[in-house]
Amino acid sequence: MLSTLLLFAAAGLQPAMPSHGLLTFEGIDCISSQIPADQARAHYALARRGREAEAFEKERSLAEKCRAEHGWSDSQTRNAFRISVMDGWLLEEGLLERIRNLGDFKPFLDRYYADNVSATGRQMLEDVFQSGKMDQDLTAAGYPEQAEMREWVHDYFEWRATLRGIEDDFRNGELRQ
């Protein structure tokens, strides 16, 4: 992992953020794709303490540039910024790294989420959880059965649902608190 980060640093590039490739609204990653991982973590820490507005102010010039480039409203700009906060959450928790250390399960989890999400795209279908189907499918895919590691899947799906909710709010011009 460290050698990969050093290669990116030497090339002047940053590794792809957790949300890369998952977003469905073109251009919504204009802000988050330009924020380094350590800064995304700092934004998450501020947001977690109820200081998201302060984090946003730190990226005001970047946000305004993206807003002008894409013709976004104020609420769309704030929602686009929230993608970086969500990336910061996953990076801070080290969730993807823990899942990857178990094997290459992220592609499976992304497909599973897409195949079993409700029509709104925000929640996994309730019967998938309650029936035990998800646990059976994870076991069949070779994912470890330990409770803590299964909790990582739930956290990842919660993150995906929140990301989708931000995109929906972006599309609808809403800004939820």
N, C-alpha and C. Protein backbone atom coordinates (compact mmCIF):
# COMPACT_ATOMS: atom_id res chain seq x y z
N MET A 1 0.83 -1.19 0.00
CA MET A 1 0.00 0.00 0.00
C MET A 1 0.87 1.26 0.00
N LEU A 2 1.90 1.27 0.86
CA LEU A 2 2.77 2.42 0.96
C LEU A 2 3.50 2.65 -0.36
N SER A 3 3.96 1.58 -1.00
CA SER A 3 4.67 1.73 -2.27
C SER A 3 3.75 2.30 -3.35
N THR A 4 2.47 1.92 -3.32
CA THR A 4 1.50 2.48 -4.28
C THR A 4 1.33 3.97 -4.06
N LEU A 5 1.22 4.37 -2.80
CA LEU A 5 1.08 5.80 -2.49
C LEU A 5 2.32 6.57 -2.90
N LEU A 6 3.50 5.99 -2.69
CA LEU A 6 4.73 6.66 -3.10
C LEU A 6 4.80 6.82 -4.62
N LEU A 7 4.35 5.81 -5.36
CA LEU A 7 4.32 5.92 -6.82
C LEU A 7 3.39 7.04 -7.27
N PHE A 8 2.20 7.12 -6.65
CA PHE A 8 1.27 8.20 -6.99
C PHE A 8 1.88 9.56 -6.66
N ALA A 9 2.52 9.66 -5.51
CA ALA A 9 3.13 10.92 -5.10
C ALA A 9 4.23 11.32 -6.07
N ALA A 10 5.06 10.37 -6.45
CA ALA A 10 6.16 10.65 -7.38
C ALA A 10 5.63 11.12 -8.73
N ALA A 11 4.51 10.58 -9.14
CA ALA A 11 3.93 10.95 -10.42
C ALA A 11 3.07 12.21 -10.32
N GLY A 12 2.91 12.73 -9.09
CA GLY A 12 2.09 13.92 -8.91
C GLY A 12 0.60 13.61 -8.98
N LEU A 13 0.24 12.35 -8.79
CA LEU A 13 -1.16 11.93 -8.85
C LEU A 13 -1.63 11.53 -7.47
N GLN A 14 -2.95 11.53 -7.29
CA GLN A 14 -3.48 10.99 -6.04
C GLN A 14 -4.28 9.75 -6.37
N PRO A 15 -4.29 8.78 -5.46
CA PRO A 15 -5.07 7.56 -5.72
C PRO A 15 -6.55 7.91 -5.85
N ALA A 16 -7.28 7.09 -6.58
CA ALA A 16 -8.71 7.32 -6.75
C ALA A 16 -9.41 7.28 -5.40
N MET A 17 -10.36 8.16 -5.23
CA MET A 17 -11.14 8.21 -4.00
C MET A 17 -12.13 7.05 -3.99
N PRO A 18 -12.62 6.67 -2.81
CA PRO A 18 -13.55 5.54 -2.72
C PRO A 18 -14.78 5.65 -3.62
N SER A 19 -15.27 6.86 -3.84
CA SER A 19 -16.48 7.04 -4.65
C SER A 19 -16.21 6.96 -6.15
N HIS A 20 -14.94 6.96 -6.54
CA HIS A 20 -14.60 6.94 -7.97
C HIS A 20 -15.23 5.74 -8.67
N GLY A 21 -15.94 6.00 -9.75
CA GLY A 21 -16.56 4.96 -10.54
C GLY A 21 -17.94 4.54 -10.06
N LEU A 22 -18.38 5.06 -8.91
CA LEU A 22 -19.68 4.67 -8.36
C LEU A 22 -20.75 5.74 -8.57
N LEU A 23 -20.34 6.94 -8.86
CA LEU A 23 -21.28 8.05 -9.00
C LEU A 23 -21.98 7.98 -10.35
N THR A 24 -23.26 8.33 -10.36
CA THR A 24 -24.04 8.20 -11.59
C THR A 24 -24.35 9.53 -12.24
N PHE A 25 -24.10 10.63 -11.57
CA PHE A 25 -24.40 11.94 -12.13
C PHE A 25 -23.09 12.55 -12.64
N GLU A 26 -23.02 12.74 -13.94
CA GLU A 26 -21.78 13.22 -14.56
C GLU A 26 -21.35 14.57 -13.98
N GLY A 27 -20.08 14.64 -13.61
CA GLY A 27 -19.50 15.88 -13.12
C GLY A 27 -19.65 16.11 -11.62
N ILE A 28 -20.46 15.29 -10.94
CA ILE A 28 -20.68 15.52 -9.52
C ILE A 28 -19.39 15.34 -8.71
N ASP A 29 -18.40 14.67 -9.28
CA ASP A 29 -17.13 14.46 -8.58
C ASP A 29 -16.12 15.58 -8.86
N CYS A 30 -16.56 16.67 -9.45
CA CYS A 30 -15.66 17.78 -9.79
C CYS A 30 -14.89 18.26 -8.55
N ILE A 31 -15.56 18.36 -7.43
CA ILE A 31 -14.90 18.81 -6.20
C ILE A 31 -14.12 17.67 -5.56
N SER A 32 -14.79 16.55 -5.31
CA SER A 32 -14.17 15.46 -4.56
C SER A 32 -12.96 14.86 -5.26
N SER A 33 -12.94 14.85 -6.58
CA SER A 33 -11.80 14.26 -7.30
C SER A 33 -10.55 15.13 -7.20
N GLN A 34 -10.70 16.37 -6.75
CA GLN A 34 -9.56 17.28 -6.66
C GLN A 34 -9.10 17.50 -5.22
N ILE A 35 -9.74 16.81 -4.27
CA ILE A 35 -9.37 16.96 -2.87
C ILE A 35 -8.53 15.76 -2.45
N PRO A 36 -7.34 16.01 -1.93
CA PRO A 36 -6.47 14.90 -1.50
C PRO A 36 -7.11 14.11 -0.34
N ALA A 37 -6.69 12.88 -0.20
CA ALA A 37 -7.25 11.98 0.82
C ALA A 37 -7.15 12.55 2.23
N ASP A 38 -5.99 13.12 2.57
CA ASP A 38 -5.85 13.65 3.94
C ASP A 38 -6.80 14.81 4.19
N GLN A 39 -7.05 15.61 3.17
CA GLN A 39 -7.99 16.73 3.32
C GLN A 39 -9.43 16.21 3.42
N ALA A 40 -9.76 15.16 2.67
CA ALA A 40 -11.10 14.56 2.77
C ALA A 40 -11.33 14.03 4.17
N ARG A 41 -10.30 13.43 4.76
CA ARG A 41 -10.41 12.95 6.15
C ARG A 41 -10.65 14.12 7.10
N ALA A 42 -9.95 15.22 6.88
CA ALA A 42 -10.13 16.41 7.73
C ALA A 42 -11.54 16.97 7.59
N HIS A 43 -12.08 16.97 6.38
CA HIS A 43 -13.45 17.44 6.17
C HIS A 43 -14.44 16.54 6.90
N TYR A 44 -14.20 15.24 6.84
CA TYR A 44 -15.06 14.29 7.54
C TYR A 44 -15.02 14.57 9.05
N ALA A 45 -13.82 14.79 9.59
CA ALA A 45 -13.69 15.05 11.02
C ALA A 45 -14.46 16.30 11.42
N LEU A 46 -14.38 17.35 10.62
CA LEU A 46 -15.14 18.56 10.92
C LEU A 46 -16.65 18.31 10.83
N ALA A 47 -17.07 17.63 9.77
CA ALA A 47 -18.50 17.35 9.60
C ALA A 47 -19.03 16.51 10.76
N ARG A 48 -18.24 15.58 11.21
CA ARG A 48 -18.65 14.72 12.31
C ARG A 48 -18.87 15.51 13.60
N ARG A 49 -18.16 16.62 13.73
CA ARG A 49 -18.33 17.50 14.90
C ARG A 49 -19.35 18.60 14.64
N GLY A 50 -20.13 18.47 13.55
CA GLY A 50 -21.16 19.46 13.24
C GLY A 50 -20.62 20.72 12.60
N ARG A 51 -19.44 20.63 12.00
CA ARG A 51 -18.81 21.81 11.41
C ARG A 51 -18.58 21.63 9.91
N GLU A 52 -19.56 21.04 9.23
CA GLU A 52 -19.44 20.83 7.79
C GLU A 52 -19.29 22.15 7.04
N ALA A 53 -20.01 23.19 7.48
CA ALA A 53 -19.92 24.50 6.81
C ALA A 53 -18.49 25.02 6.83
N GLU A 54 -17.79 24.80 7.93
CA GLU A 54 -16.39 25.23 8.03
C GLU A 54 -15.52 24.46 7.04
N ALA A 55 -15.77 23.16 6.92
CA ALA A 55 -15.02 22.35 5.95
C ALA A 55 -15.29 22.85 4.53
N PHE A 56 -16.56 23.16 4.25
CA PHE A 56 -16.91 23.66 2.92
C PHE A 56 -16.19 24.97 2.62
N GLU A 57 -16.11 25.84 3.59
CA GLU A 57 -15.43 27.13 3.40
C GLU A 57 -13.97 26.94 3.01
N LYS A 58 -13.34 25.90 3.51
CA LYS A 58 -11.95 25.63 3.17
C LYS A 58 -11.77 25.28 1.70
N GLU A 59 -12.84 24.82 1.08
CA GLU A 59 -12.81 24.44 -0.34
C GLU A 59 -13.64 25.39 -1.20
N ARG A 60 -13.94 26.56 -0.67
CA ARG A 60 -14.83 27.52 -1.35
C ARG A 60 -14.37 27.83 -2.77
N SER A 61 -13.09 28.11 -2.97
CA SER A 61 -12.64 28.51 -4.32
C SER A 61 -12.79 27.34 -5.30
N LEU A 62 -12.43 26.14 -4.88
CA LEU A 62 -12.61 24.96 -5.73
C LEU A 62 -14.09 24.74 -6.01
N ALA A 63 -14.92 24.87 -4.98
CA ALA A 63 -16.37 24.68 -5.15
C ALA A 63 -16.95 25.70 -6.12
N GLU A 64 -16.52 26.93 -6.01
CA GLU A 64 -17.03 27.98 -6.91
C GLU A 64 -16.58 27.74 -8.35
N LYS A 65 -15.36 27.25 -8.51
CA LYS A 65 -14.87 26.92 -9.85
C LYS A 65 -15.74 25.81 -10.47
N CYS A 66 -16.01 24.77 -9.71
CA CYS A 66 -16.83 23.66 -10.21
C CYS A 66 -18.26 24.12 -10.45
N ARG A 67 -18.76 24.96 -9.57
CA ARG A 67 -20.12 25.48 -9.72
C ARG A 67 -20.26 26.25 -11.03
N ALA A 68 -19.30 27.12 -11.31
CA ALA A 68 -19.35 27.91 -12.54
C ALA A 68 -19.20 27.01 -13.77
N GLU A 69 -18.31 26.03 -13.66
CA GLU A 69 -18.05 25.12 -14.78
C GLU A 69 -19.28 24.28 -15.14
N HIS A 70 -20.05 23.89 -14.12
CA HIS A 70 -21.19 22.98 -14.35
C HIS A 70 -22.56 23.65 -14.24
N GLY A 71 -22.58 24.92 -13.84
CA GLY A 71 -23.86 25.62 -13.72
C GLY A 71 -24.72 25.14 -12.56
N TRP A 72 -24.08 24.76 -11.45
CA TRP A 72 -24.78 24.24 -10.29
C TRP A 72 -25.42 25.34 -9.46
N SER A 73 -26.45 24.97 -8.73
CA SER A 73 -27.05 25.86 -7.72
C SER A 73 -26.21 25.75 -6.44
N ASP A 74 -26.55 26.59 -5.44
CA ASP A 74 -25.86 26.51 -4.14
C ASP A 74 -26.00 25.12 -3.53
N SER A 75 -27.23 24.58 -3.53
CA SER A 75 -27.45 23.28 -2.89
C SER A 75 -26.73 22.17 -3.65
N GLN A 76 -26.69 22.25 -4.97
CA GLN A 76 -25.97 21.23 -5.74
C GLN A 76 -24.47 21.29 -5.43
N THR A 77 -23.94 22.49 -5.28
CA THR A 77 -22.52 22.64 -4.97
C THR A 77 -22.20 22.04 -3.61
N ARG A 78 -23.05 22.30 -2.61
CA ARG A 78 -22.84 21.72 -1.27
C ARG A 78 -22.93 20.20 -1.31
N ASN A 79 -23.89 19.67 -2.07
CA ASN A 79 -24.02 18.21 -2.17
C ASN A 79 -22.81 17.60 -2.87
N ALA A 80 -22.31 18.27 -3.90
CA ALA A 80 -21.11 17.77 -4.58
C ALA A 80 -19.92 17.75 -3.61
N PHE A 81 -19.84 18.76 -2.77
CA PHE A 81 -18.78 18.79 -1.75
C PHE A 81 -18.94 17.63 -0.77
N ARG A 82 -20.16 17.28 -0.44
CA ARG A 82 -20.40 16.20 0.53
C ARG A 82 -19.85 14.85 0.07
N ILE A 83 -19.65 14.70 -1.23
CA ILE A 83 -19.04 13.47 -1.73
C ILE A 83 -17.65 13.33 -1.11
N SER A 84 -16.90 14.44 -1.00
CA SER A 84 -15.56 14.37 -0.41
C SER A 84 -15.64 14.02 1.07
N VAL A 85 -16.68 14.48 1.77
CA VAL A 85 -16.86 14.13 3.18
C VAL A 85 -17.10 12.63 3.30
N MET A 86 -17.90 12.08 2.41
CA MET A 86 -18.18 10.65 2.43
C MET A 86 -16.91 9.84 2.10
N ASP A 87 -16.13 10.32 1.15
CA ASP A 87 -14.85 9.66 0.87
C ASP A 87 -13.96 9.70 2.12
N GLY A 88 -13.95 10.84 2.80
CA GLY A 88 -13.17 10.98 4.02
C GLY A 88 -13.58 9.99 5.09
N TRP A 89 -14.89 9.72 5.17
CA TRP A 89 -15.39 8.76 6.16
C TRP A 89 -14.82 7.37 5.87
N LEU A 90 -14.93 6.93 4.63
CA LEU A 90 -14.44 5.60 4.30
C LEU A 90 -12.92 5.50 4.48
N LEU A 91 -12.22 6.56 4.12
CA LEU A 91 -10.76 6.57 4.29
C LEU A 91 -10.38 6.56 5.77
N GLU A 92 -11.06 7.35 6.56
CA GLU A 92 -10.76 7.43 8.00
C GLU A 92 -11.00 6.09 8.69
N GLU A 93 -12.08 5.44 8.33
CA GLU A 93 -12.40 4.15 8.93
C GLU A 93 -11.54 3.02 8.36
N GLY A 94 -10.90 3.26 7.23
CA GLY A 94 -10.07 2.23 6.60
C GLY A 94 -10.89 1.05 6.11
N LEU A 95 -12.17 1.30 5.83
CA LEU A 95 -13.09 0.22 5.51
C LEU A 95 -12.71 -0.52 4.22
N LEU A 96 -12.43 0.22 3.17
CA LEU A 96 -12.07 -0.45 1.91
C LEU A 96 -10.78 -1.24 2.04
N GLU A 97 -9.84 -0.69 2.76
CA GLU A 97 -8.57 -1.39 2.96
C GLU A 97 -8.79 -2.70 3.71
N ARG A 98 -9.63 -2.67 4.74
CA ARG A 98 -9.92 -3.90 5.49
C ARG A 98 -10.61 -4.93 4.60
N ILE A 99 -11.56 -4.48 3.78
CA ILE A 99 -12.26 -5.40 2.88
C ILE A 99 -11.30 -5.97 1.84
N ARG A 100 -10.45 -5.11 1.29
CA ARG A 100 -9.48 -5.57 0.29
C ARG A 100 -8.48 -6.56 0.88
N ASN A 101 -8.12 -6.37 2.15
CA ASN A 101 -7.18 -7.29 2.78
C ASN A 101 -7.76 -8.69 2.93
N LEU A 102 -9.07 -8.82 2.88
CA LEU A 102 -9.71 -10.13 2.94
C LEU A 102 -9.69 -10.84 1.59
N GLY A 103 -9.50 -10.08 0.55
CA GLY A 103 -9.55 -10.58 -0.82
C GLY A 103 -10.16 -9.50 -1.69
N ASP A 104 -10.34 -9.75 -2.93
CA ASP A 104 -10.87 -8.73 -3.83
C ASP A 104 -12.39 -8.77 -3.84
N PHE A 105 -13.01 -8.35 -2.72
CA PHE A 105 -14.46 -8.44 -2.58
C PHE A 105 -15.20 -7.17 -3.02
N LYS A 106 -14.50 -6.07 -3.22
CA LYS A 106 -15.20 -4.83 -3.57
C LYS A 106 -16.02 -4.95 -4.85
N PRO A 107 -15.49 -5.53 -5.94
CA PRO A 107 -16.33 -5.68 -7.14
C PRO A 107 -17.60 -6.51 -6.86
N PHE A 108 -17.45 -7.57 -6.08
CA PHE A 108 -18.62 -8.38 -5.72
C PHE A 108 -19.62 -7.55 -4.92
N LEU A 109 -19.13 -6.80 -3.93
CA LEU A 109 -20.03 -5.99 -3.10
C LEU A 109 -20.74 -4.92 -3.93
N ASP A 110 -20.02 -4.31 -4.86
CA ASP A 110 -20.65 -3.29 -5.71
C ASP A 110 -21.73 -3.90 -6.60
N ARG A 111 -21.46 -5.06 -7.17
CA ARG A 111 -22.49 -5.74 -7.98
C ARG A 111 -23.67 -6.16 -7.11
N TYR A 112 -23.37 -6.69 -5.94
CA TYR A 112 -24.42 -7.17 -5.04
C TYR A 112 -25.33 -6.01 -4.62
N TYR A 113 -24.71 -4.87 -4.30
CA TYR A 113 -25.49 -3.70 -3.93
C TYR A 113 -26.40 -3.29 -5.10
N ALA A 114 -25.84 -3.19 -6.29
CA ALA A 114 -26.62 -2.77 -7.46
C ALA A 114 -27.76 -3.75 -7.75
N ASP A 115 -27.52 -5.03 -7.55
CA ASP A 115 -28.53 -6.05 -7.85
C ASP A 115 -29.63 -6.13 -6.79
N ASN A 116 -29.36 -5.64 -5.58
CA ASN A 116 -30.30 -5.83 -4.48
C ASN A 116 -30.76 -4.54 -3.81
N VAL A 117 -30.56 -3.44 -4.48
CA VAL A 117 -30.97 -2.16 -3.90
C VAL A 117 -32.43 -1.89 -4.26
N SER A 118 -33.11 -1.14 -3.39
CA SER A 118 -34.51 -0.81 -3.65
C SER A 118 -34.61 0.13 -4.84
N ALA A 119 -35.82 0.36 -5.29
CA ALA A 119 -36.05 1.21 -6.47
C ALA A 119 -35.51 2.62 -6.25
N THR A 120 -35.50 3.11 -5.02
CA THR A 120 -34.99 4.45 -4.76
C THR A 120 -33.47 4.49 -4.80
N GLY A 121 -32.84 3.32 -4.71
CA GLY A 121 -31.39 3.26 -4.73
C GLY A 121 -30.73 3.58 -3.41
N ARG A 122 -31.53 3.85 -2.39
CA ARG A 122 -30.94 4.24 -1.11
C ARG A 122 -30.78 3.08 -0.14
N GLN A 123 -31.64 2.10 -0.19
CA GLN A 123 -31.60 1.03 0.80
C GLN A 123 -31.54 -0.32 0.12
N MET A 124 -30.86 -1.23 0.78
CA MET A 124 -30.88 -2.61 0.31
C MET A 124 -32.29 -3.14 0.56
N LEU A 125 -32.71 -4.06 -0.25
CA LEU A 125 -34.02 -4.66 -0.05
C LEU A 125 -34.05 -5.35 1.31
N GLU A 126 -35.07 -5.02 2.09
CA GLU A 126 -35.17 -5.50 3.46
C GLU A 126 -35.16 -7.03 3.54
N ASP A 127 -35.83 -7.68 2.61
CA ASP A 127 -35.90 -9.14 2.67
C ASP A 127 -34.54 -9.80 2.43
N VAL A 128 -33.62 -9.11 1.78
CA VAL A 128 -32.27 -9.65 1.57
C VAL A 128 -31.58 -9.80 2.92
N PHE A 129 -31.79 -8.82 3.81
CA PHE A 129 -31.20 -8.90 5.14
C PHE A 129 -31.95 -9.90 6.02
N GLN A 130 -33.26 -9.71 6.09
CA GLN A 130 -34.07 -10.49 7.03
C GLN A 130 -34.12 -11.97 6.70
N SER A 131 -34.10 -12.31 5.45
CA SER A 131 -34.18 -13.71 5.05
C SER A 131 -32.85 -14.46 5.23
N GLY A 132 -31.78 -13.71 5.44
CA GLY A 132 -30.46 -14.33 5.54
C GLY A 132 -29.80 -14.55 4.19
N LYS A 133 -30.49 -14.12 3.11
CA LYS A 133 -29.96 -14.31 1.76
C LYS A 133 -28.60 -13.65 1.59
N MET A 134 -28.45 -12.44 2.13
CA MET A 134 -27.19 -11.74 1.98
C MET A 134 -26.06 -12.53 2.64
N ASP A 135 -26.27 -13.02 3.84
CA ASP A 135 -25.22 -13.80 4.51
C ASP A 135 -24.89 -15.06 3.72
N GLN A 136 -25.90 -15.71 3.18
CA GLN A 136 -25.67 -16.91 2.37
C GLN A 136 -24.87 -16.57 1.12
N ASP A 137 -25.24 -15.46 0.47
CA ASP A 137 -24.53 -15.05 -0.75
C ASP A 137 -23.08 -14.65 -0.45
N LEU A 138 -22.86 -13.98 0.67
CA LEU A 138 -21.50 -13.61 1.05
C LEU A 138 -20.66 -14.86 1.32
N THR A 139 -21.24 -15.81 2.02
CA THR A 139 -20.54 -17.06 2.31
C THR A 139 -20.21 -17.79 1.01
N ALA A 140 -21.17 -17.84 0.10
CA ALA A 140 -20.95 -18.52 -1.17
C ALA A 140 -19.84 -17.84 -1.98
N ALA A 141 -19.68 -16.53 -1.80
CA ALA A 141 -18.63 -15.80 -2.52
C ALA A 141 -17.28 -15.91 -1.82
N GLY A 142 -17.25 -16.59 -0.66
CA GLY A 142 -15.99 -16.77 0.06
C GLY A 142 -15.69 -15.68 1.07
N TYR A 143 -16.66 -14.79 1.32
CA TYR A 143 -16.43 -13.72 2.30
C TYR A 143 -16.45 -14.32 3.71
N PRO A 144 -15.51 -13.93 4.58
CA PRO A 144 -15.45 -14.51 5.93
C PRO A 144 -16.76 -14.34 6.71
N GLU A 145 -17.02 -15.29 7.59
CA GLU A 145 -18.27 -15.31 8.34
C GLU A 145 -18.20 -14.60 9.69
N GLN A 146 -17.04 -14.12 10.10
CA GLN A 146 -16.92 -13.44 11.39
C GLN A 146 -17.83 -12.21 11.42
N ALA A 147 -18.46 -12.01 12.58
CA ALA A 147 -19.44 -10.93 12.74
C ALA A 147 -18.85 -9.55 12.42
N GLU A 148 -17.64 -9.29 12.89
CA GLU A 148 -17.04 -7.97 12.64
C GLU A 148 -16.85 -7.72 11.14
N MET A 149 -16.44 -8.75 10.44
CA MET A 149 -16.19 -8.61 9.00
C MET A 149 -17.50 -8.48 8.24
N ARG A 150 -18.55 -9.10 8.72
CA ARG A 150 -19.88 -8.92 8.11
C ARG A 150 -20.39 -7.51 8.38
N GLU A 151 -20.03 -6.95 9.53
CA GLU A 151 -20.42 -5.57 9.85
C GLU A 151 -19.78 -4.59 8.86
N TRP A 152 -18.58 -4.90 8.38
CA TRP A 152 -17.94 -4.05 7.39
C TRP A 152 -18.78 -3.97 6.13
N VAL A 153 -19.40 -5.08 5.75
CA VAL A 153 -20.27 -5.08 4.56
C VAL A 153 -21.47 -4.18 4.81
N HIS A 154 -22.08 -4.30 5.97
CA HIS A 154 -23.22 -3.44 6.30
C HIS A 154 -22.81 -1.97 6.26
N ASP A 155 -21.64 -1.65 6.81
CA ASP A 155 -21.15 -0.27 6.79
C ASP A 155 -20.91 0.21 5.36
N TYR A 156 -20.34 -0.66 4.53
CA TYR A 156 -20.09 -0.29 3.14
C TYR A 156 -21.40 -0.02 2.41
N PHE A 157 -22.39 -0.88 2.62
CA PHE A 157 -23.69 -0.67 1.98
C PHE A 157 -24.37 0.59 2.50
N GLU A 158 -24.19 0.90 3.79
CA GLU A 158 -24.73 2.14 4.34
C GLU A 158 -24.06 3.34 3.67
N TRP A 159 -22.75 3.25 3.46
CA TRP A 159 -22.02 4.32 2.79
C TRP A 159 -22.54 4.51 1.36
N ARG A 160 -22.71 3.38 0.66
CA ARG A 160 -23.24 3.44 -0.72
C ARG A 160 -24.62 4.10 -0.74
N ALA A 161 -25.48 3.75 0.21
CA ALA A 161 -26.83 4.32 0.27
C ALA A 161 -26.77 5.82 0.54
N THR A 162 -25.88 6.24 1.41
CA THR A 162 -25.73 7.66 1.70
C THR A 162 -25.21 8.40 0.48
N LEU A 163 -24.26 7.81 -0.20
CA LEU A 163 -23.73 8.40 -1.43
C LEU A 163 -24.85 8.58 -2.45
N ARG A 164 -25.68 7.55 -2.60
CA ARG A 164 -26.81 7.64 -3.53
C ARG A 164 -27.80 8.71 -3.09
N GLY A 165 -28.03 8.82 -1.79
CA GLY A 165 -28.91 9.86 -1.27
C GLY A 165 -28.40 11.25 -1.59
N ILE A 166 -27.09 11.44 -1.50
CA ILE A 166 -26.50 12.74 -1.85
C ILE A 166 -26.73 13.03 -3.33
N GLU A 167 -26.55 12.02 -4.17
CA GLU A 167 -26.80 12.21 -5.60
C GLU A 167 -28.27 12.56 -5.87
N ASP A 168 -29.18 11.89 -5.18
CA ASP A 168 -30.61 12.21 -5.36
C ASP A 168 -30.90 13.63 -4.93
N ASP A 169 -30.35 14.04 -3.80
CA ASP A 169 -30.53 15.42 -3.33
C ASP A 169 -29.94 16.40 -4.34
N PHE A 170 -28.81 16.05 -4.92
CA PHE A 170 -28.17 16.88 -5.94
C PHE A 170 -29.12 17.06 -7.13
N ARG A 171 -29.67 15.94 -7.62
CA ARG A 171 -30.59 15.99 -8.76
C ARG A 171 -31.83 16.83 -8.47
N ASN A 172 -32.33 16.71 -7.23
CA ASN A 172 -33.57 17.40 -6.84
C ASN A 172 -33.34 18.81 -6.32
N GLY A 173 -32.09 19.22 -6.24
CA GLY A 173 -31.79 20.56 -5.75
C GLY A 173 -32.09 20.74 -4.27
N GLU A 174 -32.05 19.64 -3.51
CA GLU A 174 -32.33 19.70 -2.06
C GLU A 174 -31.02 19.68 -1.29
N LEU A 175 -31.06 20.24 -0.09
CA LEU A 175 -29.91 20.20 0.80
C LEU A 175 -30.41 19.76 2.16
N ARG A 176 -30.16 18.52 2.50
CA ARG A 176 -30.62 17.99 3.79
C ARG A 176 -29.60 18.27 4.87
N GLN A 177 -30.08 18.50 6.03
CA GLN A 177 -29.19 18.76 7.18
C GLN A 177 -28.92 17.51 7.94
